[in-house]
Amino acid sequence: MDIEMIREYCLSKKGVTEELPFNETTLAFKVMGKIFVLTSLEGALALNLKCDPAKAVELRENYPAVQPGYHMNKKHWNTVYVDGSMREELITGQIDHSYDLVVAGLTKKAKVQLRSL
């Protein structure tokens, strides 16, 4: 996977936008204004993804490419290094999981808006 494949995958999800909220090299994908993927446009490709705490620990134990979230709450976020050591389906599955967690935490109003898109 490369950044363009990840970008296309994220943008194919309902209610998703992309922004550069912090600087011109940190790309964020948001659903209804809430971040579910962060990545840098410089250096090695890595994704910060929200994750259920129990699943986060399991992924870190089983995959060296999954580490505690860089500059994030390490209980709820993982950094996934896209270095070819993980199958594409596993990475997209983690993106889906992050998206689903963020959607679950949206306000009722935002959920209604998302469903209407």
C-alpha atoms as a PDB file:
ATOM      1  CA  MET A   1       0.000   0.000   0.000  1.00  0.00           C
ATOM      2  CA  ASP A   2       1.077   3.549  -0.630  1.00  0.00           C
ATOM      3  CA  ILE A   3      -0.275   6.936   0.447  1.00  0.00           C
ATOM      4  CA  GLU A   4      -2.503   7.258  -2.638  1.00  0.00           C
ATOM      5  CA  MET A   5      -4.134   3.870  -2.028  1.00  0.00           C
ATOM      6  CA  ILE A   6      -4.739   4.806   1.606  1.00  0.00           C
ATOM      7  CA  ARG A   7      -6.095   8.212   0.592  1.00  0.00           C
ATOM      8  CA  GLU A   8      -8.519   6.684  -1.918  1.00  0.00           C
ATOM      9  CA  TYR A   9      -9.644   4.071   0.597  1.00  0.00           C
ATOM     10  CA  CYS A  10     -10.300   6.632   3.334  1.00  0.00           C
ATOM     11  CA  LEU A  11     -12.087   9.060   1.019  1.00  0.00           C
ATOM     12  CA  SER A  12     -14.369   6.265  -0.229  1.00  0.00           C
ATOM     13  CA  LYS A  13     -15.960   6.103   3.212  1.00  0.00           C
ATOM     14  CA  LYS A  14     -19.140   8.028   3.940  1.00  0.00           C
ATOM     15  CA  GLY A  15     -18.705  11.517   5.431  1.00  0.00           C
ATOM     16  CA  VAL A  16     -14.900  11.597   5.127  1.00  0.00           C
ATOM     17  CA  THR A  17     -12.830  14.683   4.390  1.00  0.00           C
ATOM     18  CA  GLU A  18      -9.089  15.253   4.303  1.00  0.00           C
ATOM     19  CA  GLU A  19      -7.314  18.188   5.887  1.00  0.00           C
ATOM     20  CA  LEU A  20      -3.899  19.484   6.879  1.00  0.00           C
ATOM     21  CA  PRO A  21      -4.949  20.752  10.337  1.00  0.00           C
ATOM     22  CA  PHE A  22      -1.563  20.976  12.047  1.00  0.00           C
ATOM     23  CA  ASN A  23       0.961  21.751   9.311  1.00  0.00           C
ATOM     24  CA  GLU A  24       1.512  21.154   5.609  1.00  0.00           C
ATOM     25  CA  THR A  25       2.932  17.644   6.128  1.00  0.00           C
ATOM     26  CA  THR A  26       0.433  16.046   8.537  1.00  0.00           C
ATOM     27  CA  LEU A  27      -2.605  14.717   6.697  1.00  0.00           C
ATOM     28  CA  ALA A  28      -5.771  13.956   8.648  1.00  0.00           C
ATOM     29  CA  PHE A  29      -8.793  12.031   7.486  1.00  0.00           C
ATOM     30  CA  LYS A  30     -11.930  12.976   9.373  1.00  0.00           C
ATOM     31  CA  VAL A  31     -15.449  11.615   9.533  1.00  0.00           C
ATOM     32  CA  MET A  32     -17.952  14.354  10.360  1.00  0.00           C
ATOM     33  CA  GLY A  33     -15.069  16.524  11.583  1.00  0.00           C
ATOM     34  CA  LYS A  34     -13.462  13.903  13.868  1.00  0.00           C
ATOM     35  CA  ILE A  35     -10.039  12.426  13.081  1.00  0.00           C
ATOM     36  CA  PHE A  36      -9.818   8.689  12.457  1.00  0.00           C
ATOM     37  CA  VAL A  37      -6.500   8.552  10.516  1.00  0.00           C
ATOM     38  CA  LEU A  38      -3.392  10.726  10.776  1.00  0.00           C
ATOM     39  CA  THR A  39      -0.333  10.315   8.582  1.00  0.00           C
ATOM     40  CA  SER A  40       2.757  12.253   7.616  1.00  0.00           C
ATOM     41  CA  LEU A  41       3.440  13.164   4.010  1.00  0.00           C
ATOM     42  CA  GLU A  42       7.179  12.973   4.748  1.00  0.00           C
ATOM     43  CA  GLY A  43       9.361  10.038   5.692  1.00  0.00           C
ATOM     44  CA  ALA A  44       8.282   6.442   6.116  1.00  0.00           C
ATOM     45  CA  LEU A  45       4.568   5.799   5.679  1.00  0.00           C
ATOM     46  CA  ALA A  46       2.842   5.312   9.022  1.00  0.00           C
ATOM     47  CA  LEU A  47      -0.779   5.709  10.094  1.00  0.00           C
ATOM     48  CA  ASN A  48      -2.116   6.735  13.483  1.00  0.00           C
ATOM     49  CA  LEU A  49      -5.383   4.839  13.946  1.00  0.00           C
ATOM     50  CA  LYS A  50      -7.879   4.795  16.781  1.00  0.00           C
ATOM     51  CA  CYS A  51      -8.254   1.327  18.286  1.00  0.00           C
ATOM     52  CA  ASP A  52     -10.155  -0.446  21.040  1.00  0.00           C
ATOM     53  CA  PRO A  53      -7.668  -0.724  23.954  1.00  0.00           C
ATOM     54  CA  ALA A  54      -7.787  -4.537  24.208  1.00  0.00           C
ATOM     55  CA  LYS A  55      -7.426  -4.949  20.446  1.00  0.00           C
ATOM     56  CA  ALA A  56      -4.601  -2.373  20.424  1.00  0.00           C
ATOM     57  CA  VAL A  57      -2.530  -4.480  22.814  1.00  0.00           C
ATOM     58  CA  GLU A  58      -3.240  -7.662  20.842  1.00  0.00           C
ATOM     59  CA  LEU A  59      -2.159  -6.039  17.549  1.00  0.00           C
ATOM     60  CA  ARG A  60       1.042  -4.673  19.124  1.00  0.00           C
ATOM     61  CA  GLU A  61       1.914  -8.112  20.501  1.00  0.00           C
ATOM     62  CA  ASN A  62       1.343  -9.876  17.164  1.00  0.00           C
ATOM     63  CA  TYR A  63       2.674  -7.363  14.634  1.00  0.00           C
ATOM     64  CA  PRO A  64       5.999  -5.522  14.991  1.00  0.00           C
ATOM     65  CA  ALA A  65       4.703  -2.872  12.554  1.00  0.00           C
ATOM     66  CA  VAL A  66       2.037  -1.867  15.095  1.00  0.00           C
ATOM     67  CA  GLN A  67       3.273   0.357  17.905  1.00  0.00           C
ATOM     68  CA  PRO A  68       1.639   2.580  20.538  1.00  0.00           C
ATOM     69  CA  GLY A  69       0.289   5.760  18.926  1.00  0.00           C
ATOM     70  CA  TYR A  70       3.030   8.290  18.207  1.00  0.00           C
ATOM     71  CA  HIS A  71       2.106  11.612  19.853  1.00  0.00           C
ATOM     72  CA  MET A  72      -1.326  10.176  20.696  1.00  0.00           C
ATOM     73  CA  ASN A  73      -3.104   8.600  23.667  1.00  0.00           C
ATOM     74  CA  LYS A  74      -1.292   5.260  23.677  1.00  0.00           C
ATOM     75  CA  LYS A  75      -4.258   3.434  25.188  1.00  0.00           C
ATOM     76  CA  HIS A  76      -6.607   4.337  22.316  1.00  0.00           C
ATOM     77  CA  TRP A  77      -4.316   4.874  19.316  1.00  0.00           C
ATOM     78  CA  ASN A  78      -1.828   2.731  17.400  1.00  0.00           C
ATOM     79  CA  THR A  79       0.791   3.743  14.883  1.00  0.00           C
ATOM     80  CA  VAL A  80       0.873   1.267  12.002  1.00  0.00           C
ATOM     81  CA  TYR A  81       4.035   1.334   9.896  1.00  0.00           C
ATOM     82  CA  VAL A  82       3.137   0.516   6.303  1.00  0.00           C
ATOM     83  CA  ASP A  83       6.387  -1.246   5.486  1.00  0.00           C
ATOM     84  CA  GLY A  84       5.142  -4.269   3.560  1.00  0.00           C
ATOM     85  CA  SER A  85       5.202  -6.575   6.577  1.00  0.00           C
ATOM     86  CA  MET A  86       1.400  -6.568   6.969  1.00  0.00           C
ATOM     87  CA  ARG A  87      -1.231  -7.671   4.475  1.00  0.00           C
ATOM     88  CA  GLU A  88      -3.261  -4.900   2.879  1.00  0.00           C
ATOM     89  CA  GLU A  89      -6.485  -6.403   4.263  1.00  0.00           C
ATOM     90  CA  LEU A  90      -5.166  -6.097   7.809  1.00  0.00           C
ATOM     91  CA  ILE A  91      -4.307  -2.422   7.313  1.00  0.00           C
ATOM     92  CA  THR A  92      -7.665  -1.604   5.722  1.00  0.00           C
ATOM     93  CA  GLY A  93      -9.359  -3.541   8.512  1.00  0.00           C
ATOM     94  CA  GLN A  94      -7.646  -1.335  11.070  1.00  0.00           C
ATOM     95  CA  ILE A  95      -8.708   1.773   9.132  1.00  0.00           C
ATOM     96  CA  ASP A  96     -12.300   0.444   9.163  1.00  0.00           C
ATOM     97  CA  HIS A  97     -12.081  -0.208  12.910  1.00  0.00           C
ATOM     98  CA  SER A  98     -10.810   3.334  13.547  1.00  0.00           C
ATOM     99  CA  TYR A  99     -13.600   4.810  11.394  1.00  0.00           C
ATOM    100  CA  ASP A 100     -16.244   2.712  13.181  1.00  0.00           C
ATOM    101  CA  LEU A 101     -14.999   3.751  16.637  1.00  0.00           C
ATOM    102  CA  VAL A 102     -15.089   7.426  15.717  1.00  0.00           C
ATOM    103  CA  VAL A 103     -18.560   7.104  14.160  1.00  0.00           C
ATOM    104  CA  ALA A 104     -19.797   5.347  17.313  1.00  0.00           C
ATOM    105  CA  GLY A 105     -18.617   8.327  19.372  1.00  0.00           C
ATOM    106  CA  LEU A 106     -20.344  10.967  17.250  1.00  0.00           C
ATOM    107  CA  THR A 107     -23.240  12.975  18.613  1.00  0.00           C
ATOM    108  CA  LYS A 108     -26.756  11.877  17.675  1.00  0.00           C
ATOM    109  CA  LYS A 109     -27.039  14.904  15.408  1.00  0.00           C
ATOM    110  CA  ALA A 110     -23.790  14.052  13.583  1.00  0.00           C
ATOM    111  CA  LYS A 111     -24.869  10.414  13.202  1.00  0.00           C
ATOM    112  CA  VAL A 112     -28.154  11.507  11.627  1.00  0.00           C
ATOM    113  CA  GLN A 113     -26.266  13.831   9.271  1.00  0.00           C
ATOM    114  CA  LEU A 114     -23.868  11.014   8.344  1.00  0.00           C
ATOM    115  CA  ARG A 115     -26.708   8.606   7.593  1.00  0.00           C
ATOM    116  CA  SER A 116     -28.338  11.187   5.325  1.00  0.00           C
ATOM    117  CA  LEU A 117     -25.231  11.561   3.120  1.00  0.00           C
END
